Amino acid sequence: MFVYLIGNAEHCKIGIAKSPKWRVHSLDSPQLPFEVELQAEYNAGDAAHFVENQLHKFFKDKHIRGEWFYSIGPKQFLRNAKAFAKAYTPLTKEAVPEEPTVRSEDELILLRKQSMVAASLSCLCATWNDEQRLDYELIAKLYKLGEALETQ
């Protein structure tokens, strides 16, 4: 599954599709007041929904409505899509060891929380660039949360 950036110099849409080129054609209609083209696509595989959601959150300051945003550069889109895809850790059968350990429901909840904190830290650091200031207070809170979860 692909995560795509479709739009023009002023507006763009971040979404997912099996075929982003087909999606461009489906959006190119008289109802849309401007022409659009495929600006970037990234094959995120199973992480597509996660990556799309993280991109929407990351670019929230450029959000217009729905999946539409003010202009986002293809390079910035691709850099962040790759970072979020790298941070994705699916909980699938493949991730279970051959001889699974029997865990309580509380242990499973704790493991999910720890995974979410680790993914948040990874995404935060991976998407940082020179134009942005790292939110050190947020990083410190995430580290403290991670440490607190480890001691439970």
Protein backbone atom coordinates (compact mmCIF):
# COMPACT_ATOMS: atom_id res chain seq x y z
CA MET A 1 0.00 0.00 0.00
CA PHE A 2 1.29 3.46 -0.91
CA VAL A 3 1.20 6.71 1.00
CA TYR A 4 0.87 9.55 -1.50
CA LEU A 5 1.11 13.31 -1.84
CA ILE A 6 -1.23 14.63 -4.53
CA GLY A 7 -1.78 18.28 -5.28
CA ASN A 8 -0.34 21.44 -6.76
CA ALA A 9 1.83 24.35 -5.61
CA GLU A 10 -0.80 25.58 -3.12
CA HIS A 11 -2.80 22.56 -1.90
CA CYS A 12 -2.09 18.88 -1.43
CA LYS A 13 -3.70 15.72 -0.14
CA ILE A 14 -2.00 13.05 1.95
CA GLY A 15 -3.63 9.65 1.65
CA ILE A 16 -3.15 5.96 0.95
CA ALA A 17 -3.97 3.88 -2.08
CA LYS A 18 -2.94 0.72 -3.86
CA SER A 19 -2.46 2.83 -6.98
CA PRO A 20 -1.68 6.53 -6.39
CA LYS A 21 -1.79 7.19 -10.16
CA TRP A 22 -5.36 5.92 -10.28
CA ARG A 23 -6.17 8.08 -7.26
CA VAL A 24 -4.96 11.19 -9.14
CA HIS A 25 -7.35 10.42 -11.97
CA SER A 26 -10.23 9.87 -9.55
CA LEU A 27 -9.58 13.28 -7.93
CA ASP A 28 -9.18 15.13 -11.22
CA SER A 29 -12.81 16.12 -11.67
CA PRO A 30 -14.82 19.28 -12.37
CA GLN A 31 -15.82 19.34 -8.68
CA LEU A 32 -12.23 20.12 -7.69
CA PRO A 33 -11.48 23.80 -8.40
CA PHE A 34 -7.84 23.16 -9.34
CA GLU A 35 -5.74 20.57 -11.16
CA VAL A 36 -3.75 18.02 -9.20
CA GLU A 37 -0.81 15.76 -9.93
CA LEU A 38 1.06 13.04 -8.11
CA GLN A 39 3.91 14.82 -6.31
CA ALA A 40 5.32 11.90 -4.32
CA GLU A 41 4.53 8.33 -3.34
CA TYR A 42 6.08 5.96 -0.83
CA ASN A 43 5.47 2.23 -0.65
CA ALA A 44 4.85 1.84 3.08
CA GLY A 45 3.44 -1.68 2.85
CA ASP A 46 1.66 -2.75 6.04
CA ALA A 47 2.67 0.52 7.72
CA ALA A 48 0.65 2.67 5.29
CA HIS A 49 -2.22 3.49 7.66
CA PHE A 50 0.20 4.25 10.50
CA VAL A 51 2.41 6.43 8.26
CA GLU A 52 -0.58 8.33 6.87
CA ASN A 53 -1.88 9.01 10.37
CA GLN A 54 1.53 10.19 11.60
CA LEU A 55 1.97 12.46 8.56
CA HIS A 56 -1.44 14.04 9.22
CA LYS A 57 -0.37 14.72 12.80
CA PHE A 58 3.08 15.98 11.78
CA PHE A 59 1.71 18.47 9.24
CA LYS A 60 -1.25 19.59 11.40
CA ASP A 61 -0.08 23.22 11.23
CA LYS A 62 -0.70 23.09 7.45
CA HIS A 63 -4.06 21.31 7.73
CA ILE A 64 -7.01 22.72 5.78
CA ARG A 65 -9.74 20.08 6.02
CA GLY A 66 -9.98 16.30 5.89
CA GLU A 67 -6.85 15.01 4.16
CA TRP A 68 -6.09 18.39 2.53
CA PHE A 69 -3.15 20.56 3.52
CA TYR A 70 -1.41 23.71 2.37
CA SER A 71 1.61 22.98 0.20
CA ILE A 72 4.07 20.37 1.49
CA GLY A 73 7.27 19.73 -0.44
CA PRO A 74 7.78 16.23 -1.87
CA LYS A 75 11.22 15.92 -0.23
CA GLN A 76 9.83 16.79 3.19
CA PHE A 77 6.92 14.39 2.65
CA LEU A 78 9.21 11.50 1.63
CA ARG A 79 11.73 12.10 4.42
CA ASN A 80 8.99 11.96 7.05
CA ALA A 81 7.12 9.05 5.42
CA LYS A 82 10.33 6.98 5.51
CA ALA A 83 11.00 7.92 9.14
CA PHE A 84 7.49 6.99 10.25
CA ALA A 85 7.59 3.72 8.28
CA LYS A 86 10.88 2.85 9.97
CA ALA A 87 9.33 3.53 13.39
CA TYR A 88 6.35 1.25 12.69
CA THR A 89 6.38 -1.99 14.68
CA PRO A 90 3.46 -4.27 13.87
CA LEU A 91 2.08 -6.68 16.44
CA THR A 92 1.70 -9.67 14.16
CA LYS A 93 2.16 -13.40 14.36
CA GLU A 94 5.60 -13.01 12.78
CA ALA A 95 6.67 -10.90 15.78
CA VAL A 96 5.85 -13.71 18.24
CA PRO A 97 8.78 -15.99 19.13
CA GLU A 98 8.60 -19.68 18.16
CA GLU A 99 8.01 -20.63 21.80
CA PRO A 100 5.78 -17.79 23.00
CA THR A 101 5.92 -16.72 26.60
CA VAL A 102 2.58 -16.75 28.34
CA ARG A 103 1.92 -13.19 29.48
CA SER A 104 -0.82 -11.70 31.56
CA GLU A 105 -3.13 -9.03 30.16
CA ASP A 106 -1.35 -6.43 32.33
CA GLU A 107 2.04 -7.43 30.87
CA LEU A 108 0.69 -7.13 27.32
CA ILE A 109 -0.74 -3.67 28.04
CA LEU A 110 2.60 -2.61 29.51
CA LEU A 111 4.49 -3.93 26.46
CA ARG A 112 2.16 -2.01 24.12
CA LYS A 113 2.67 1.19 26.12
CA GLN A 114 6.46 0.75 26.06
CA SER A 115 6.34 0.16 22.31
CA MET A 116 4.24 3.30 21.79
CA VAL A 117 6.67 5.42 23.84
CA ALA A 118 9.65 4.03 21.91
CA ALA A 119 7.91 4.66 18.57
CA SER A 120 7.01 8.22 19.63
CA LEU A 121 10.61 8.98 20.57
CA SER A 122 11.90 7.42 17.37
CA CYS A 123 9.46 9.43 15.21
CA LEU A 124 10.18 12.66 17.07
CA CYS A 125 13.93 12.33 16.60
CA ALA A 126 13.76 10.93 13.05
CA THR A 127 11.62 13.77 11.72
CA TRP A 128 13.61 16.60 13.27
CA ASN A 129 15.42 18.88 10.86
CA ASP A 130 17.42 22.11 11.11
CA GLU A 131 14.33 24.26 10.50
CA GLN A 132 12.63 22.97 13.63
CA ARG A 133 13.52 23.09 17.29
CA LEU A 134 13.41 19.79 19.10
CA ASP A 135 10.90 19.83 21.90
CA TYR A 136 13.26 18.81 24.70
CA GLU A 137 10.51 19.00 27.30
CA LEU A 138 8.45 16.46 25.34
CA ILE A 139 11.47 14.20 24.88
CA ALA A 140 12.19 14.35 28.63
CA LYS A 141 8.56 13.46 29.42
CA LEU A 142 8.66 10.51 27.01
CA TYR A 143 11.92 9.23 28.53
CA LYS A 144 10.47 9.53 32.06
CA LEU A 145 7.34 7.72 30.94
CA GLY A 146 9.47 4.97 29.39
CA GLU A 147 11.53 4.62 32.58
CA ALA A 148 8.37 4.51 34.70
CA LEU A 149 6.92 1.79 32.50
CA GLU A 150 10.14 -0.26 32.75
CA THR A 151 9.93 -0.32 36.55
CA GLN A 152 6.33 -1.59 36.60
